[in-house]
Amino acid sequence: MRLNLIYAMGLVLVSLVPVAAGDDAAEIKKLIPAAAGMARADFEKVALSDRGIRPSDVVDKTLSWLLLCSKPREDAKAKEQFRLLTPSYPKPSELGAEMYRVLTLGGSKVVLAPVTMIHANRITKLTCDVKGDTARGVVSFEVPKLYAGQADYAARKVDGAWHIVEFAMHAYAIHIVLGEDGKWKEKPAN
């Protein structure tokens, strides 16, 4: 089973989605959006900021947060890992609409969790090499006319369930690991 969380009018709505047993890649793919996602409060900090954002502005260094803080680069390796598909930096409203998805149900707005740059329907490819209780691979994603990229990931199976524990985009100097406290932390360079 996979847990889906939906935030609505101050309430968190929970639903369970069955995941086929033995299909590690499918289970891991479903975990990527939430693992790459950022807290709603951190996203609102970005949206309401009257100055530029910095990685140091938050404790939880999620992949989505670090990508928002990164300046697009033009070298080939960097473009392979993350590139804008717009002629200039996208409008904040375009990024916001992609990351912070809202549904209107019966006149009420419902914010869907997670706030992420990699929603499930934007994943174009996922590789998955499982060795014991560890899986490693690459997740590729694209938001047409906005951005595209790929990130390395690692997952660990604990008590029969997969957990994403690491993301890396080395051309952007992004390498994060999930801490014991459930917060993403930058991994120091070796």
N, C-alpha and C. Protein backbone atom coordinates (compact mmCIF):
# COMPACT_ATOMS: atom_id res chain seq x y z
N MET A 1 0.83 -1.18 0.00
CA MET A 1 0.00 0.00 0.00
C MET A 1 0.88 1.24 0.00
N ARG A 2 0.40 2.27 -0.65
CA ARG A 2 1.08 3.56 -0.68
C ARG A 2 0.14 4.57 -0.07
N LEU A 3 0.67 5.48 0.73
CA LEU A 3 -0.11 6.49 1.40
C LEU A 3 -0.11 7.77 0.58
N ASN A 4 -1.29 8.28 0.25
CA ASN A 4 -1.42 9.58 -0.42
C ASN A 4 -1.94 10.57 0.59
N LEU A 5 -1.36 11.76 0.61
CA LEU A 5 -1.83 12.82 1.51
C LEU A 5 -2.35 13.98 0.68
N ILE A 6 -3.49 14.50 1.07
CA ILE A 6 -4.05 15.67 0.42
C ILE A 6 -4.36 16.68 1.51
N TYR A 7 -3.88 17.90 1.34
CA TYR A 7 -4.12 18.95 2.32
C TYR A 7 -5.31 19.77 1.85
N ALA A 8 -6.33 19.89 2.69
CA ALA A 8 -7.54 20.62 2.31
C ALA A 8 -8.05 21.43 3.48
N MET A 9 -8.08 22.73 3.32
CA MET A 9 -8.67 23.63 4.30
C MET A 9 -8.19 23.32 5.72
N GLY A 10 -6.89 23.16 5.87
CA GLY A 10 -6.33 22.90 7.18
C GLY A 10 -6.38 21.45 7.62
N LEU A 11 -6.93 20.57 6.82
CA LEU A 11 -7.01 19.16 7.16
C LEU A 11 -6.14 18.35 6.22
N VAL A 12 -5.61 17.27 6.71
CA VAL A 12 -4.86 16.36 5.86
C VAL A 12 -5.74 15.16 5.58
N LEU A 13 -6.04 14.93 4.31
CA LEU A 13 -6.85 13.80 3.90
C LEU A 13 -5.90 12.68 3.47
N VAL A 14 -6.18 11.48 3.87
CA VAL A 14 -5.30 10.35 3.62
C VAL A 14 -6.03 9.30 2.79
N SER A 15 -5.31 8.75 1.81
CA SER A 15 -5.86 7.61 1.07
C SER A 15 -4.74 6.60 0.84
N LEU A 16 -5.11 5.34 0.80
CA LEU A 16 -4.15 4.27 0.54
C LEU A 16 -4.34 3.76 -0.87
N VAL A 17 -3.23 3.57 -1.60
CA VAL A 17 -3.27 3.10 -2.97
C VAL A 17 -2.50 1.78 -3.01
N PRO A 18 -3.09 0.71 -3.54
CA PRO A 18 -2.37 -0.55 -3.59
C PRO A 18 -1.19 -0.49 -4.56
N VAL A 19 -0.10 -1.14 -4.19
CA VAL A 19 1.08 -1.25 -5.03
C VAL A 19 1.34 -2.74 -5.22
N ALA A 20 1.55 -3.15 -6.45
CA ALA A 20 1.77 -4.57 -6.74
C ALA A 20 3.02 -5.07 -6.04
N ALA A 21 2.88 -6.16 -5.31
CA ALA A 21 4.02 -6.75 -4.62
C ALA A 21 5.04 -7.22 -5.65
N GLY A 22 6.31 -7.03 -5.34
CA GLY A 22 7.36 -7.52 -6.22
C GLY A 22 7.72 -6.58 -7.35
N ASP A 23 6.99 -5.53 -7.55
CA ASP A 23 7.32 -4.58 -8.61
C ASP A 23 8.04 -3.39 -7.99
N ASP A 24 9.33 -3.61 -7.69
CA ASP A 24 10.11 -2.60 -6.99
C ASP A 24 10.17 -1.27 -7.73
N ALA A 25 10.41 -1.31 -9.05
CA ALA A 25 10.52 -0.07 -9.82
C ALA A 25 9.22 0.72 -9.77
N ALA A 26 8.08 0.06 -9.88
CA ALA A 26 6.80 0.77 -9.82
C ALA A 26 6.57 1.39 -8.45
N GLU A 27 6.94 0.66 -7.40
CA GLU A 27 6.77 1.19 -6.05
C GLU A 27 7.67 2.40 -5.83
N ILE A 28 8.93 2.28 -6.27
CA ILE A 28 9.88 3.39 -6.11
C ILE A 28 9.43 4.60 -6.92
N LYS A 29 8.94 4.38 -8.13
CA LYS A 29 8.47 5.49 -8.98
C LYS A 29 7.37 6.28 -8.27
N LYS A 30 6.50 5.59 -7.57
CA LYS A 30 5.41 6.27 -6.87
C LYS A 30 5.89 7.09 -5.68
N LEU A 31 7.07 6.77 -5.17
CA LEU A 31 7.62 7.49 -4.02
C LEU A 31 8.39 8.75 -4.40
N ILE A 32 8.86 8.83 -5.63
CA ILE A 32 9.72 9.94 -6.07
C ILE A 32 9.09 11.32 -5.86
N PRO A 33 7.83 11.56 -6.28
CA PRO A 33 7.29 12.92 -6.12
C PRO A 33 7.32 13.44 -4.69
N ALA A 34 6.88 12.64 -3.74
CA ALA A 34 6.88 13.09 -2.34
C ALA A 34 8.31 13.23 -1.81
N ALA A 35 9.19 12.30 -2.18
CA ALA A 35 10.57 12.37 -1.70
C ALA A 35 11.27 13.62 -2.23
N ALA A 36 10.99 14.00 -3.46
CA ALA A 36 11.61 15.20 -4.06
C ALA A 36 10.90 16.48 -3.63
N GLY A 37 9.72 16.35 -3.05
CA GLY A 37 8.88 17.49 -2.72
C GLY A 37 9.33 18.27 -1.50
N MET A 38 8.78 19.44 -1.38
CA MET A 38 9.11 20.32 -0.27
C MET A 38 7.87 20.65 0.55
N ALA A 39 8.09 21.09 1.75
CA ALA A 39 7.00 21.46 2.64
C ALA A 39 6.24 22.65 2.05
N ARG A 40 4.95 22.64 2.24
CA ARG A 40 4.12 23.74 1.76
C ARG A 40 4.59 25.07 2.33
N ALA A 41 4.97 25.09 3.62
CA ALA A 41 5.44 26.33 4.25
C ALA A 41 6.70 26.85 3.58
N ASP A 42 7.61 25.95 3.19
CA ASP A 42 8.83 26.38 2.49
C ASP A 42 8.50 26.94 1.12
N PHE A 43 7.56 26.30 0.42
CA PHE A 43 7.16 26.81 -0.89
C PHE A 43 6.53 28.19 -0.75
N GLU A 44 5.70 28.38 0.25
CA GLU A 44 5.08 29.69 0.46
C GLU A 44 6.13 30.74 0.83
N LYS A 45 7.20 30.32 1.49
CA LYS A 45 8.30 31.23 1.80
C LYS A 45 8.90 31.76 0.50
N VAL A 46 9.05 30.88 -0.49
CA VAL A 46 9.56 31.27 -1.80
C VAL A 46 8.58 32.23 -2.47
N ALA A 47 7.31 31.84 -2.48
CA ALA A 47 6.29 32.62 -3.18
C ALA A 47 6.12 34.01 -2.59
N LEU A 48 6.31 34.16 -1.29
CA LEU A 48 6.07 35.44 -0.63
C LEU A 48 7.35 36.25 -0.40
N SER A 49 8.48 35.72 -0.84
CA SER A 49 9.76 36.39 -0.61
C SER A 49 9.88 37.65 -1.46
N ASP A 50 10.37 38.70 -0.84
CA ASP A 50 10.61 39.93 -1.60
C ASP A 50 12.09 40.05 -1.97
N ARG A 51 12.84 38.99 -1.72
CA ARG A 51 14.25 38.93 -2.10
C ARG A 51 14.52 37.56 -2.71
N GLY A 52 15.68 37.38 -3.24
CA GLY A 52 16.03 36.08 -3.80
C GLY A 52 16.09 35.01 -2.72
N ILE A 53 15.93 33.77 -3.13
CA ILE A 53 15.98 32.67 -2.17
C ILE A 53 17.38 32.05 -2.15
N ARG A 54 17.72 31.45 -1.02
CA ARG A 54 19.02 30.80 -0.86
C ARG A 54 18.78 29.42 -0.24
N PRO A 55 19.64 28.45 -0.55
CA PRO A 55 19.49 27.13 0.06
C PRO A 55 19.45 27.19 1.59
N SER A 56 20.14 28.15 2.17
CA SER A 56 20.20 28.25 3.63
C SER A 56 18.89 28.74 4.26
N ASP A 57 17.91 29.11 3.44
CA ASP A 57 16.64 29.62 3.97
C ASP A 57 15.79 28.55 4.64
N VAL A 58 16.11 27.27 4.43
CA VAL A 58 15.32 26.18 5.03
C VAL A 58 16.25 25.12 5.62
N VAL A 59 15.70 24.32 6.52
CA VAL A 59 16.44 23.22 7.12
C VAL A 59 16.35 21.98 6.24
N ASP A 60 15.18 21.72 5.66
CA ASP A 60 14.93 20.53 4.85
C ASP A 60 15.36 20.80 3.41
N LYS A 61 16.54 20.33 3.02
CA LYS A 61 17.12 20.61 1.70
C LYS A 61 16.60 19.60 0.67
N THR A 62 15.34 19.71 0.30
CA THR A 62 14.75 18.77 -0.66
C THR A 62 15.26 19.04 -2.07
N LEU A 63 15.09 18.06 -2.94
CA LEU A 63 15.51 18.22 -4.33
C LEU A 63 14.77 19.38 -4.99
N SER A 64 13.47 19.49 -4.76
CA SER A 64 12.72 20.59 -5.36
C SER A 64 13.24 21.94 -4.88
N TRP A 65 13.52 22.06 -3.59
CA TRP A 65 14.03 23.32 -3.03
C TRP A 65 15.37 23.69 -3.68
N LEU A 66 16.28 22.71 -3.75
CA LEU A 66 17.60 23.00 -4.30
C LEU A 66 17.55 23.33 -5.78
N LEU A 67 16.63 22.70 -6.53
CA LEU A 67 16.48 23.06 -7.94
C LEU A 67 15.95 24.48 -8.08
N LEU A 68 15.02 24.88 -7.22
CA LEU A 68 14.52 26.26 -7.27
C LEU A 68 15.63 27.27 -6.98
N CYS A 69 16.57 26.88 -6.14
CA CYS A 69 17.67 27.78 -5.77
C CYS A 69 18.81 27.77 -6.79
N SER A 70 18.82 26.81 -7.70
CA SER A 70 19.91 26.67 -8.66
C SER A 70 19.73 27.58 -9.86
N LYS A 71 20.84 28.08 -10.35
CA LYS A 71 20.82 28.84 -11.59
C LYS A 71 21.06 27.87 -12.73
N PRO A 72 20.22 27.91 -13.76
CA PRO A 72 20.42 27.00 -14.90
C PRO A 72 21.80 27.21 -15.51
N ARG A 73 22.44 26.11 -15.87
CA ARG A 73 23.76 26.16 -16.45
C ARG A 73 23.69 25.73 -17.90
N GLU A 74 24.68 26.12 -18.67
CA GLU A 74 24.67 25.86 -20.11
C GLU A 74 25.56 24.72 -20.57
N ASP A 75 26.42 24.17 -19.69
CA ASP A 75 27.28 23.09 -20.15
C ASP A 75 26.45 21.82 -20.38
N ALA A 76 26.96 20.94 -21.23
CA ALA A 76 26.20 19.76 -21.68
C ALA A 76 25.78 18.85 -20.53
N LYS A 77 26.66 18.58 -19.58
CA LYS A 77 26.32 17.69 -18.46
C LYS A 77 25.23 18.31 -17.61
N ALA A 78 25.33 19.60 -17.35
CA ALA A 78 24.31 20.28 -16.55
C ALA A 78 22.97 20.27 -17.27
N LYS A 79 22.97 20.52 -18.58
CA LYS A 79 21.71 20.51 -19.34
C LYS A 79 21.07 19.14 -19.36
N GLU A 80 21.88 18.10 -19.29
CA GLU A 80 21.34 16.74 -19.24
C GLU A 80 20.61 16.50 -17.91
N GLN A 81 21.16 17.09 -16.85
CA GLN A 81 20.56 16.89 -15.53
C GLN A 81 19.40 17.82 -15.24
N PHE A 82 19.46 19.06 -15.73
CA PHE A 82 18.33 19.98 -15.53
C PHE A 82 18.45 21.12 -16.53
N ARG A 83 17.37 21.39 -17.23
CA ARG A 83 17.35 22.49 -18.19
C ARG A 83 15.95 23.10 -18.26
N LEU A 84 15.95 24.36 -18.52
CA LEU A 84 14.69 25.06 -18.74
C LEU A 84 14.29 24.89 -20.19
N LEU A 85 13.02 24.76 -20.43
CA LEU A 85 12.50 24.63 -21.80
C LEU A 85 11.82 25.92 -22.23
N THR A 86 12.18 27.00 -21.56
CA THR A 86 11.63 28.32 -21.86
C THR A 86 12.78 29.20 -22.34
N PRO A 87 12.48 30.25 -23.15
CA PRO A 87 13.55 31.11 -23.64
C PRO A 87 14.26 31.89 -22.53
N SER A 88 13.57 32.16 -21.43
CA SER A 88 14.17 32.83 -20.28
C SER A 88 13.65 32.13 -19.03
N TYR A 89 14.05 32.63 -17.87
CA TYR A 89 13.59 31.98 -16.64
C TYR A 89 12.06 32.01 -16.60
N PRO A 90 11.42 30.89 -16.25
CA PRO A 90 9.95 30.86 -16.27
C PRO A 90 9.34 31.84 -15.27
N LYS A 91 8.12 32.22 -15.54
CA LYS A 91 7.39 33.09 -14.62
C LYS A 91 7.14 32.31 -13.33
N PRO A 92 7.24 32.98 -12.20
CA PRO A 92 6.95 32.30 -10.93
C PRO A 92 5.57 31.64 -10.92
N SER A 93 4.61 32.27 -11.60
CA SER A 93 3.26 31.69 -11.64
C SER A 93 3.24 30.37 -12.39
N GLU A 94 4.10 30.22 -13.41
CA GLU A 94 4.17 28.95 -14.15
C GLU A 94 4.76 27.84 -13.28
N LEU A 95 5.85 28.16 -12.59
CA LEU A 95 6.45 27.18 -11.68
C LEU A 95 5.48 26.84 -10.56
N GLY A 96 4.85 27.86 -10.02
CA GLY A 96 3.90 27.65 -8.93
C GLY A 96 2.74 26.76 -9.32
N ALA A 97 2.20 26.99 -10.51
CA ALA A 97 1.06 26.18 -10.97
C ALA A 97 1.46 24.72 -11.16
N GLU A 98 2.69 24.47 -11.57
CA GLU A 98 3.17 23.09 -11.74
C GLU A 98 3.43 22.42 -10.40
N MET A 99 4.11 23.13 -9.52
CA MET A 99 4.53 22.51 -8.26
C MET A 99 3.42 22.44 -7.22
N TYR A 100 2.63 23.47 -7.13
CA TYR A 100 1.63 23.64 -6.08
C TYR A 100 0.27 23.44 -6.70
N ARG A 101 -0.08 22.21 -6.92
CA ARG A 101 -1.31 21.90 -7.64
C ARG A 101 -2.53 22.06 -6.75
N VAL A 102 -3.54 22.73 -7.29
CA VAL A 102 -4.77 23.02 -6.56
C VAL A 102 -5.95 22.54 -7.40
N LEU A 103 -6.88 21.85 -6.75
CA LEU A 103 -8.13 21.45 -7.38
C LEU A 103 -9.26 22.25 -6.75
N THR A 104 -10.26 22.57 -7.54
CA THR A 104 -11.45 23.20 -6.99
C THR A 104 -12.56 22.15 -6.95
N LEU A 105 -13.00 21.87 -5.74
CA LEU A 105 -14.05 20.87 -5.55
C LEU A 105 -15.22 21.52 -4.82
N GLY A 106 -16.34 21.63 -5.50
CA GLY A 106 -17.52 22.21 -4.87
C GLY A 106 -17.29 23.60 -4.32
N GLY A 107 -16.50 24.39 -5.02
CA GLY A 107 -16.24 25.76 -4.59
C GLY A 107 -15.09 25.90 -3.61
N SER A 108 -14.55 24.79 -3.11
CA SER A 108 -13.42 24.83 -2.19
C SER A 108 -12.14 24.47 -2.93
N LYS A 109 -11.06 25.14 -2.57
CA LYS A 109 -9.76 24.83 -3.17
C LYS A 109 -9.06 23.79 -2.31
N VAL A 110 -8.55 22.77 -2.98
CA VAL A 110 -7.85 21.70 -2.30
C VAL A 110 -6.42 21.67 -2.84
N VAL A 111 -5.44 21.79 -1.94
CA VAL A 111 -4.04 21.73 -2.33
C VAL A 111 -3.62 20.27 -2.28
N LEU A 112 -3.08 19.80 -3.39
CA LEU A 112 -2.63 18.41 -3.47
C LEU A 112 -1.20 18.30 -2.98
N ALA A 113 -0.94 17.29 -2.21
CA ALA A 113 0.42 17.03 -1.78
C ALA A 113 1.05 16.08 -2.78
N PRO A 114 2.30 16.15 -3.04
CA PRO A 114 3.28 17.07 -2.48
C PRO A 114 3.47 18.30 -3.36
N VAL A 115 4.18 19.29 -2.81
CA VAL A 115 4.62 20.44 -3.58
C VAL A 115 5.97 20.02 -4.14
N THR A 116 6.02 19.71 -5.44
CA THR A 116 7.22 19.09 -6.00
C THR A 116 7.47 19.51 -7.43
N MET A 117 8.71 19.41 -7.84
CA MET A 117 9.06 19.66 -9.24
C MET A 117 8.96 18.38 -10.07
N ILE A 118 8.73 17.23 -9.40
CA ILE A 118 8.64 15.96 -10.11
C ILE A 118 7.33 15.26 -9.73
N HIS A 119 6.23 15.69 -10.34
CA HIS A 119 4.96 14.99 -10.13
C HIS A 119 4.97 13.67 -10.89
N ALA A 120 4.19 12.71 -10.43
CA ALA A 120 4.18 11.36 -11.01
C ALA A 120 3.92 11.38 -12.51
N ASN A 121 3.00 12.23 -12.96
CA ASN A 121 2.68 12.26 -14.39
C ASN A 121 3.76 12.96 -15.22
N ARG A 122 4.80 13.47 -14.58
CA ARG A 122 5.92 14.12 -15.28
C ARG A 122 7.14 13.21 -15.37
N ILE A 123 7.07 12.04 -14.73
CA ILE A 123 8.19 11.10 -14.81
C ILE A 123 8.13 10.41 -16.16
N THR A 124 9.21 10.54 -16.95
CA THR A 124 9.24 9.96 -18.30
C THR A 124 9.98 8.64 -18.35
N LYS A 125 10.87 8.41 -17.37
CA LYS A 125 11.63 7.16 -17.36
C LYS A 125 12.21 6.96 -15.97
N LEU A 126 12.30 5.69 -15.57
CA LEU A 126 12.93 5.37 -14.30
C LEU A 126 13.71 4.08 -14.46
N THR A 127 14.99 4.13 -14.14
CA THR A 127 15.78 2.90 -14.12
C THR A 127 15.88 2.45 -12.67
N CYS A 128 16.04 1.15 -12.47
CA CYS A 128 16.03 0.63 -11.11
C CYS A 128 16.88 -0.63 -11.05
N ASP A 129 18.02 -0.55 -10.36
CA ASP A 129 18.91 -1.69 -10.17
C ASP A 129 18.85 -2.07 -8.69
N VAL A 130 18.19 -3.21 -8.40
CA VAL A 130 18.00 -3.65 -7.03
C VAL A 130 19.05 -4.68 -6.66
N LYS A 131 19.71 -4.43 -5.54
CA LYS A 131 20.66 -5.39 -4.97
C LYS A 131 20.33 -5.50 -3.49
N GLY A 132 19.68 -6.62 -3.13
CA GLY A 132 19.26 -6.81 -1.75
C GLY A 132 18.21 -5.79 -1.35
N ASP A 133 18.48 -5.05 -0.28
CA ASP A 133 17.54 -4.05 0.21
C ASP A 133 17.89 -2.63 -0.26
N THR A 134 18.71 -2.53 -1.30
CA THR A 134 19.09 -1.22 -1.84
C THR A 134 18.77 -1.18 -3.33
N ALA A 135 18.23 -0.06 -3.76
CA ALA A 135 17.96 0.17 -5.19
C ALA A 135 18.62 1.48 -5.59
N ARG A 136 19.18 1.49 -6.78
CA ARG A 136 19.77 2.72 -7.34
C ARG A 136 19.29 2.87 -8.76
N GLY A 137 19.16 4.10 -9.19
CA GLY A 137 18.74 4.33 -10.55
C GLY A 137 18.71 5.80 -10.88
N VAL A 138 18.06 6.09 -12.00
CA VAL A 138 17.92 7.46 -12.49
C VAL A 138 16.45 7.69 -12.78
N VAL A 139 15.94 8.82 -12.34
CA VAL A 139 14.58 9.22 -12.67
C VAL A 139 14.66 10.41 -13.63
N SER A 140 13.99 10.28 -14.78
CA SER A 140 13.93 11.36 -15.77
C SER A 140 12.54 11.98 -15.71
N PHE A 141 12.48 13.28 -15.91
CA PHE A 141 11.20 13.99 -15.80
C PHE A 141 11.15 15.14 -16.80
N GLU A 142 9.94 15.50 -17.20
CA GLU A 142 9.76 16.64 -18.11
C GLU A 142 8.40 17.27 -17.89
N VAL A 143 8.43 18.59 -17.80
CA VAL A 143 7.21 19.40 -17.79
C VAL A 143 7.25 20.17 -19.10
N PRO A 144 6.40 19.77 -20.08
CA PRO A 144 6.47 20.40 -21.40
C PRO A 144 6.43 21.93 -21.31
N LYS A 145 7.30 22.54 -22.08
CA LYS A 145 7.41 23.99 -22.19
C LYS A 145 7.85 24.67 -20.90
N LEU A 146 8.39 23.89 -19.93
CA LEU A 146 8.83 24.49 -18.68
C LEU A 146 10.23 24.02 -18.28
N TYR A 147 10.40 22.73 -17.97
CA TYR A 147 11.72 22.22 -17.60
C TYR A 147 11.77 20.71 -17.77
N ALA A 148 13.00 20.18 -17.77
CA ALA A 148 13.22 18.74 -17.88
C ALA A 148 14.53 18.42 -17.19
N GLY A 149 14.69 17.15 -16.82
CA GLY A 149 15.95 16.76 -16.20
C GLY A 149 15.95 15.31 -15.77
N GLN A 150 17.01 14.98 -15.04
CA GLN A 150 17.13 13.64 -14.49
C GLN A 150 17.98 13.70 -13.24
N ALA A 151 17.66 12.84 -12.30
CA ALA A 151 18.40 12.79 -11.04
C ALA A 151 18.71 11.34 -10.70
N ASP A 152 19.88 11.11 -10.14
CA ASP A 152 20.21 9.80 -9.59
C ASP A 152 19.46 9.69 -8.26
N TYR A 153 19.08 8.47 -7.91
CA TYR A 153 18.43 8.26 -6.61
C TYR A 153 18.92 6.95 -6.01
N ALA A 154 18.74 6.82 -4.72
CA ALA A 154 18.96 5.55 -4.02
C ALA A 154 17.76 5.34 -3.11
N ALA A 155 17.37 4.09 -2.96
CA ALA A 155 16.25 3.73 -2.08
C ALA A 155 16.68 2.54 -1.23
N ARG A 156 16.09 2.46 -0.05
CA ARG A 156 16.33 1.32 0.83
C ARG A 156 15.01 0.71 1.24
N LYS A 157 15.02 -0.60 1.34
CA LYS A 157 13.83 -1.32 1.79
C LYS A 157 13.96 -1.56 3.29
N VAL A 158 12.98 -1.05 4.04
CA VAL A 158 12.95 -1.20 5.48
C VAL A 158 11.61 -1.79 5.86
N ASP A 159 11.62 -2.90 6.56
CA ASP A 159 10.39 -3.60 6.97
C ASP A 159 9.46 -3.83 5.79
N GLY A 160 10.03 -4.20 4.64
CA GLY A 160 9.25 -4.55 3.46
C GLY A 160 8.77 -3.39 2.62
N ALA A 161 9.12 -2.15 3.00
CA ALA A 161 8.68 -0.97 2.23
C ALA A 161 9.89 -0.16 1.76
N TRP A 162 9.84 0.31 0.52
CA TRP A 162 10.90 1.13 -0.03
C TRP A 162 10.81 2.55 0.50
N HIS A 163 11.97 3.19 0.66
CA HIS A 163 12.08 4.59 1.07
C HIS A 163 13.19 5.22 0.24
N ILE A 164 12.92 6.35 -0.38
CA ILE A 164 13.95 7.09 -1.10
C ILE A 164 14.86 7.72 -0.04
N VAL A 165 16.17 7.52 -0.16
CA VAL A 165 17.09 8.01 0.87
C VAL A 165 18.18 8.92 0.31
N GLU A 166 18.23 9.09 -1.01
CA GLU A 166 19.31 9.88 -1.59
C GLU A 166 18.93 10.37 -2.98
N PHE A 167 19.31 11.60 -3.31
CA PHE A 167 19.20 12.16 -4.66
C PHE A 167 20.53 12.82 -4.99
N ALA A 168 20.89 12.80 -6.27
CA ALA A 168 22.11 13.50 -6.70
C ALA A 168 21.94 14.04 -8.11
N MET A 169 22.42 15.25 -8.31
CA MET A 169 22.55 15.89 -9.62
C MET A 169 23.92 16.58 -9.57
N HIS A 170 24.95 15.80 -9.85
CA HIS A 170 26.32 16.24 -9.61
C HIS A 170 26.73 17.48 -10.40
N ALA A 171 26.21 17.66 -11.59
CA ALA A 171 26.55 18.86 -12.37
C ALA A 171 26.07 20.14 -11.69
N TYR A 172 25.09 20.02 -10.81
CA TYR A 172 24.57 21.15 -10.05
C TYR A 172 25.06 21.13 -8.60
N ALA A 173 26.02 20.25 -8.30
CA ALA A 173 26.55 20.10 -6.95
C ALA A 173 25.44 19.80 -5.95
N ILE A 174 24.44 19.04 -6.39
CA ILE A 174 23.35 18.61 -5.51
C ILE A 174 23.58 17.15 -5.17
N HIS A 175 23.71 16.88 -3.89
CA HIS A 175 23.80 15.51 -3.38
C HIS A 175 23.20 15.54 -1.98
N ILE A 176 22.01 15.00 -1.84
CA ILE A 176 21.30 15.06 -0.57
C ILE A 176 20.97 13.65 -0.08
N VAL A 177 20.93 13.52 1.24
CA VAL A 177 20.57 12.26 1.88
C VAL A 177 19.50 12.54 2.92
N LEU A 178 18.65 11.54 3.12
CA LEU A 178 17.59 11.65 4.12
C LEU A 178 18.17 11.36 5.49
N GLY A 179 18.04 12.31 6.40
CA GLY A 179 18.58 12.15 7.75
C GLY A 179 17.67 11.32 8.63
N GLU A 180 18.18 10.92 9.77
CA GLU A 180 17.41 10.15 10.74
C GLU A 180 16.17 10.91 11.20
N ASP A 181 16.24 12.25 11.16
CA ASP A 181 15.12 13.09 11.58
C ASP A 181 14.06 13.29 10.49
N GLY A 182 14.26 12.63 9.33
CA GLY A 182 13.31 12.75 8.22
C GLY A 182 13.52 13.98 7.36
N LYS A 183 14.57 14.74 7.61
CA LYS A 183 14.88 15.94 6.83
C LYS A 183 16.01 15.62 5.86
N TRP A 184 15.94 16.25 4.67
CA TRP A 184 16.98 16.09 3.67
C TRP A 184 18.13 16.99 4.02
N LYS A 185 19.35 16.45 3.91
CA LYS A 185 20.57 17.20 4.23
C LYS A 185 21.55 17.06 3.07
N GLU A 186 22.32 18.13 2.86
CA GLU A 186 23.34 18.08 1.82
C GLU A 186 24.47 17.16 2.28
N LYS A 187 24.89 16.27 1.39
CA LYS A 187 25.98 15.35 1.71
C LYS A 187 27.28 16.05 1.39
N PRO A 188 28.18 16.10 2.36
CA PRO A 188 29.47 16.76 2.11
C PRO A 188 30.24 16.05 1.01
N ALA A 189 30.97 16.82 0.22
CA ALA A 189 31.80 16.24 -0.85
C ALA A 189 32.92 15.45 -0.21
N ASN A 190 33.30 14.37 -0.86
CA ASN A 190 34.38 13.51 -0.33
C ASN A 190 35.73 14.16 -0.53
